Protein backbone atom coordinates (compact mmCIF):
# COMPACT_ATOMS: atom_id res chain seq x y z
CA MET A 1 -13.51 -7.56 -9.89
CA PRO A 2 -13.38 -8.04 -6.12
CA THR A 3 -12.54 -11.67 -6.29
CA ASP A 4 -9.75 -11.15 -8.99
CA ARG A 5 -6.24 -10.61 -8.06
CA LEU A 6 -4.09 -8.09 -9.69
CA SER A 7 -0.23 -8.03 -9.18
CA TRP A 8 1.56 -4.76 -10.09
CA TRP A 9 5.13 -5.79 -11.28
CA ALA A 10 6.77 -2.62 -12.35
CA PRO A 11 8.48 0.48 -11.11
CA LEU A 12 6.03 2.69 -9.27
CA GLY A 13 5.22 6.02 -10.68
CA VAL A 14 2.80 6.80 -7.88
CA GLU A 15 2.80 6.68 -4.17
CA ARG A 16 2.33 3.17 -2.90
CA SER A 17 -0.28 4.47 -0.55
CA ALA A 18 -2.45 5.40 -3.62
CA LEU A 19 -2.58 1.76 -4.61
CA GLN A 20 -4.62 0.31 -1.72
CA ALA A 21 -7.10 -2.48 -2.37
CA PRO A 22 -7.45 -5.91 -0.80
CA ASN A 23 -6.91 -7.63 -4.20
CA LEU A 24 -4.05 -5.50 -5.42
CA HIS A 25 -0.58 -6.83 -4.81
CA VAL A 26 2.09 -4.07 -5.43
CA LEU A 27 5.33 -5.88 -6.02
CA GLY A 28 7.26 -3.00 -7.53
CA ALA A 29 10.35 -3.59 -9.71
CA ARG A 30 11.73 -7.01 -10.09
CA PRO A 31 14.91 -8.26 -11.95
CA TYR A 32 14.24 -8.80 -15.66
CA SER A 33 15.66 -12.45 -15.17
CA GLN A 34 12.56 -13.21 -13.03
CA LEU A 35 10.10 -12.21 -15.71
CA PRO A 36 9.56 -15.68 -17.17
CA ALA A 37 8.49 -17.13 -13.76
CA TYR A 38 6.14 -14.36 -13.13
CA VAL A 39 4.50 -14.44 -16.60
CA GLN A 40 3.85 -18.22 -16.33
CA ALA A 41 1.59 -17.46 -13.42
CA PHE A 42 -0.48 -14.85 -15.21
CA ASP A 43 -3.96 -15.50 -16.50
CA VAL A 44 -3.67 -12.42 -18.73
CA GLY A 45 -0.94 -9.82 -19.50
CA ILE A 46 -2.06 -6.15 -19.17
CA ILE A 47 -0.30 -3.22 -20.85
CA PRO A 48 -2.27 -0.09 -19.82
CA TYR A 49 -0.20 2.59 -21.69
CA ILE A 50 -1.56 6.23 -21.91
CA GLU A 51 -1.00 7.91 -25.16
CA SER A 52 2.15 10.10 -25.09
CA PRO A 53 5.04 10.78 -27.39
CA TRP A 54 6.89 7.86 -25.86
CA THR A 55 4.09 5.29 -26.31
CA ARG A 56 3.65 6.57 -29.87
CA THR A 57 7.09 5.17 -30.72
CA VAL A 58 7.46 2.33 -28.22
CA ASP A 59 8.36 -1.05 -29.52
CA PRO A 60 5.96 -3.90 -28.57
CA LEU A 61 8.51 -6.01 -26.67
CA LYS A 62 6.27 -6.57 -23.68
CA LEU A 63 3.36 -7.61 -26.04
CA LEU A 64 5.72 -10.08 -27.86
CA GLU A 65 6.93 -11.50 -24.55
CA TYR A 66 3.32 -12.09 -23.34
CA LEU A 67 2.29 -13.70 -26.66
CA ALA A 68 5.42 -16.01 -26.73
CA ALA A 69 4.45 -17.12 -23.22
CA GLY A 70 1.08 -18.12 -24.73
CA ILE A 71 -1.12 -15.91 -22.49
CA PRO A 72 -3.81 -13.57 -23.60
CA VAL A 73 -3.14 -9.78 -23.71
CA VAL A 74 -5.25 -6.71 -22.99
CA ALA A 75 -3.33 -3.64 -24.25
CA SER A 76 -3.96 0.05 -24.97
CA ARG A 77 -3.73 0.87 -28.63
CA CYS A 78 -0.26 2.02 -29.68
CA PRO A 79 0.28 3.20 -33.28
CA ARG A 80 3.37 1.06 -33.85
CA TRP A 81 1.87 -2.19 -32.53
CA PRO A 82 0.14 -4.66 -34.64
CA SER A 83 -3.67 -4.22 -34.68
CA THR A 84 -4.34 -8.00 -34.02
CA ARG A 85 -6.89 -9.87 -32.17
CA VAL A 86 -5.67 -13.29 -31.25
């Protein structure tokens, strides 16, 4: 994956210094209104949730936003999300 580029567009739950790689662009939180412009530049949407009480009940809003934008999605399995391969 060294030639691929990964942009992290979310609030940080770890120290920024722990996210050091030449192909990793840590953008941090951005206004929700900017989401459509960012998503249009994605090749794939990634939703890497870790199973927890929160993720067992989370609604699939991010999944639906990515699918509505017409981009492929790679996501962790969440019980309330549709088990669909598109």
